């Protein structure tokens, strides 16, 4: 997403939320609309806790098995975003938040992101969220791993700052 769209969204989203509040308030009344906003926050906190703990357990299981929990981490981020959207007052943000709690919608978002994002394991192997090993090997970056013996700093005899004059101090050179 281009950064130029962010100021537009900062203006458009609150205006859209206010418009939806007005429309829903005219349809069902003020107090039911406010009750709906509070109810979605309560349901959102319950869903966040339930699905968040389940996702955390899956992340721990994948990590313990020695695998990169890419899928679970993406689910965790989307569940956290869903919880934030549900705790934010607004009916549009609540709708988006509830949609992010649906596993099928999360998997669709994850599939569309997997084409653009690569997860790197500590060992240097890379895998997308749902990447096959063949695809992962094509996306591996070139990495050069040097040990302390392979890389060392050596003085350059052609450098003007190399060596010392007769007094034991570095030469005094003026650059014009």
Protein backbone atom coordinates (compact mmCIF):
# COMPACT_ATOMS: atom_id res chain seq x y z
CA UNK A 1 0.00 0.00 0.00
CA UNK A 2 1.47 3.36 -0.96
CA UNK A 3 2.12 5.75 1.89
CA UNK A 4 0.14 8.50 0.11
CA UNK A 5 -3.10 6.67 0.89
CA UNK A 6 -2.57 6.79 4.67
CA UNK A 7 -3.73 10.43 5.13
CA UNK A 8 -6.80 9.64 3.05
CA UNK A 9 -7.60 6.60 5.24
CA UNK A 10 -7.10 8.64 8.42
CA UNK A 11 -9.86 10.91 7.21
CA UNK A 12 -12.12 8.43 5.39
CA UNK A 13 -12.37 5.75 8.11
CA UNK A 14 -13.71 8.03 10.90
CA UNK A 15 -16.13 9.70 8.46
CA UNK A 16 -17.36 6.25 7.39
CA UNK A 17 -17.75 5.15 11.03
CA UNK A 18 -19.79 8.28 11.84
CA UNK A 19 -22.00 7.77 8.78
CA UNK A 20 -22.68 4.14 9.74
CA UNK A 21 -23.44 5.21 13.36
CA UNK A 22 -26.00 7.70 12.06
CA UNK A 23 -27.65 5.20 9.70
CA UNK A 24 -27.82 2.41 12.29
CA UNK A 25 -28.92 4.88 14.98
CA UNK A 26 -31.80 6.02 12.76
CA UNK A 27 -32.80 2.41 12.12
CA UNK A 28 -32.67 0.97 15.66
CA UNK A 29 -32.30 4.00 17.93
CA UNK A 30 -29.52 5.56 20.01
CA UNK A 31 -29.39 3.21 22.99
CA UNK A 32 -29.53 -0.04 20.99
CA UNK A 33 -26.73 1.31 18.75
CA UNK A 34 -24.55 2.13 21.78
CA UNK A 35 -25.42 -1.26 23.30
CA UNK A 36 -24.36 -2.93 20.05
CA UNK A 37 -20.97 -1.19 20.19
CA UNK A 38 -20.43 -2.30 23.82
CA UNK A 39 -21.61 -5.84 23.02
CA UNK A 40 -19.17 -6.17 20.12
CA UNK A 41 -16.32 -5.05 22.40
CA UNK A 42 -17.25 -7.70 25.00
CA UNK A 43 -17.59 -10.44 22.37
CA UNK A 44 -14.33 -9.29 20.77
CA UNK A 45 -12.39 -9.54 24.02
CA UNK A 46 -13.78 -13.05 24.60
CA UNK A 47 -12.86 -14.17 21.06
CA UNK A 48 -9.44 -12.55 21.33
CA UNK A 49 -8.68 -14.45 24.50
CA UNK A 50 -9.98 -17.78 23.22
CA UNK A 51 -8.43 -17.75 19.75
CA UNK A 52 -5.27 -15.97 20.92
CA UNK A 53 -4.47 -18.64 23.50
CA UNK A 54 -5.10 -21.38 20.94
CA UNK A 55 -2.79 -19.70 18.44
CA UNK A 56 -0.11 -19.21 21.08
CA UNK A 57 -0.22 -22.94 21.90
CA UNK A 58 0.15 -23.81 18.21
CA UNK A 59 3.13 -21.44 17.92
CA UNK A 60 4.79 -23.11 20.90
CA UNK A 61 4.11 -26.59 19.46
CA UNK A 62 5.61 -25.67 16.08
CA UNK A 63 8.66 -24.10 17.73
CA UNK A 64 9.16 -27.13 19.98
CA UNK A 65 9.00 -29.39 16.92
CA UNK A 66 11.79 -27.34 15.32
CA UNK A 67 9.61 -25.82 12.62
CA UNK A 68 9.10 -22.16 11.76
CA UNK A 69 5.58 -21.20 12.91
CA UNK A 70 4.97 -18.86 9.96
CA UNK A 71 1.30 -19.72 9.51
CA UNK A 72 0.60 -19.47 13.23
CA UNK A 73 2.43 -16.15 13.57
CA UNK A 74 0.40 -14.64 10.74
CA UNK A 75 -2.79 -15.95 12.35
CA UNK A 76 -1.67 -14.43 15.65
CA UNK A 77 -1.11 -11.03 14.08
CA UNK A 78 -4.51 -11.13 12.37
CA UNK A 79 -6.24 -12.22 15.60
CA UNK A 80 -4.54 -9.38 17.47
CA UNK A 81 -5.63 -6.91 14.77
CA UNK A 82 -9.17 -8.31 15.01
CA UNK A 83 -9.18 -7.76 18.77
CA UNK A 84 -7.95 -4.18 18.40
CA UNK A 85 -10.60 -3.47 15.77
CA UNK A 86 -13.34 -4.92 17.99
CA UNK A 87 -12.23 -2.90 21.01
CA UNK A 88 -12.19 0.28 18.91
CA UNK A 89 -15.64 1.91 18.93
CA UNK A 90 -17.17 1.67 15.49
CA UNK A 91 -19.42 -0.63 13.55
CA UNK A 92 -17.27 -0.81 10.40
CA UNK A 93 -14.13 -1.67 12.38
CA UNK A 94 -16.18 -4.26 14.35
CA UNK A 95 -17.30 -5.89 11.11
CA UNK A 96 -13.73 -6.12 9.84
CA UNK A 97 -12.61 -7.42 13.24
CA UNK A 98 -15.24 -10.17 13.28
CA UNK A 99 -14.27 -11.16 9.74
CA UNK A 100 -10.63 -11.55 10.85
CA UNK A 101 -11.74 -14.05 13.50
CA UNK A 102 -13.11 -16.37 10.78
CA UNK A 103 -10.40 -18.98 9.98
CA UNK A 104 -11.39 -19.21 6.29
CA UNK A 105 -10.93 -15.48 5.78
CA UNK A 106 -7.60 -15.56 7.61
CA UNK A 107 -6.39 -18.40 5.36
CA UNK A 108 -7.45 -16.45 2.26
CA UNK A 109 -5.50 -13.39 3.49
CA UNK A 110 -2.53 -15.62 4.38
CA UNK A 111 -2.52 -17.19 0.89
CA UNK A 112 -2.55 -13.79 -0.78
CA UNK A 113 0.27 -12.61 1.48
CA UNK A 114 2.35 -15.76 0.96
CA UNK A 115 3.18 -14.68 -2.58
CA UNK A 116 4.85 -11.52 -1.26
CA UNK A 117 6.35 -12.53 2.11
CA UNK A 118 9.12 -15.02 2.87
CA UNK A 119 9.86 -16.25 6.40
CA UNK A 120 13.53 -16.91 7.16
CA UNK A 121 14.45 -19.59 9.66
CA UNK A 122 17.50 -19.15 11.85
CA UNK A 123 19.28 -21.91 9.91
CA UNK A 124 19.00 -19.87 6.72
CA UNK A 125 16.23 -21.85 5.08
CA UNK A 126 13.38 -19.75 3.83
CA UNK A 127 9.74 -20.65 3.50
CA UNK A 128 6.67 -18.69 2.68
CA UNK A 129 3.61 -19.14 4.86
CA UNK A 130 2.51 -22.05 2.70
CA UNK A 131 5.53 -22.40 0.45
CA UNK A 132 6.64 -25.69 -0.95
CA UNK A 133 10.31 -26.68 -0.52
CA UNK A 134 10.89 -26.21 -4.27
CA UNK A 135 9.57 -22.66 -4.15
CA UNK A 136 11.49 -21.92 -0.95
CA UNK A 137 14.78 -22.97 -2.54
CA UNK A 138 14.18 -20.55 -5.43
CA UNK A 139 13.61 -17.63 -3.06
CA UNK A 140 16.65 -18.20 -0.85
CA UNK A 141 18.91 -15.15 -0.79
CA UNK A 142 22.66 -15.40 -1.33
CA UNK A 143 24.31 -15.48 2.08
CA UNK A 144 28.04 -15.40 2.82
CA UNK A 145 28.90 -16.65 6.29
CA UNK A 146 32.41 -15.70 7.48
CA UNK A 147 34.13 -16.84 10.63
CA UNK A 148 36.63 -14.79 12.63
CA UNK A 149 39.54 -16.43 10.78
CA UNK A 150 38.02 -15.65 7.38
CA UNK A 151 37.69 -11.94 8.06
CA UNK A 152 40.45 -9.87 9.58
CA UNK A 153 41.55 -6.29 9.25
CA UNK A 154 45.05 -5.90 7.88
CA UNK A 155 46.97 -2.62 7.48
CA UNK A 156 47.17 -1.29 3.93
CA UNK A 157 50.76 -0.27 3.09
CA UNK A 158 49.55 2.06 0.32
CA UNK A 159 47.35 4.03 2.71
CA UNK A 160 48.58 7.54 3.62
CA UNK A 161 47.64 6.81 7.23
CA UNK A 162 49.75 3.66 7.41
CA UNK A 163 53.01 3.66 9.27
CA UNK A 164 54.67 6.10 11.62
CA UNK A 165 57.34 8.77 11.20
CA UNK A 166 60.70 8.70 12.96
CA UNK A 167 59.30 10.07 16.24
CA UNK A 168 56.89 7.16 16.64
CA UNK A 169 53.81 9.21 15.85
CA UNK A 170 51.65 8.96 12.76
CA UNK A 171 52.81 11.12 9.87
CA UNK A 172 51.48 14.67 9.73
CA UNK A 173 49.95 15.04 6.28
CA UNK A 174 48.06 18.00 4.91
CA UNK A 175 45.50 17.44 2.19
CA UNK A 176 45.06 20.34 -0.24
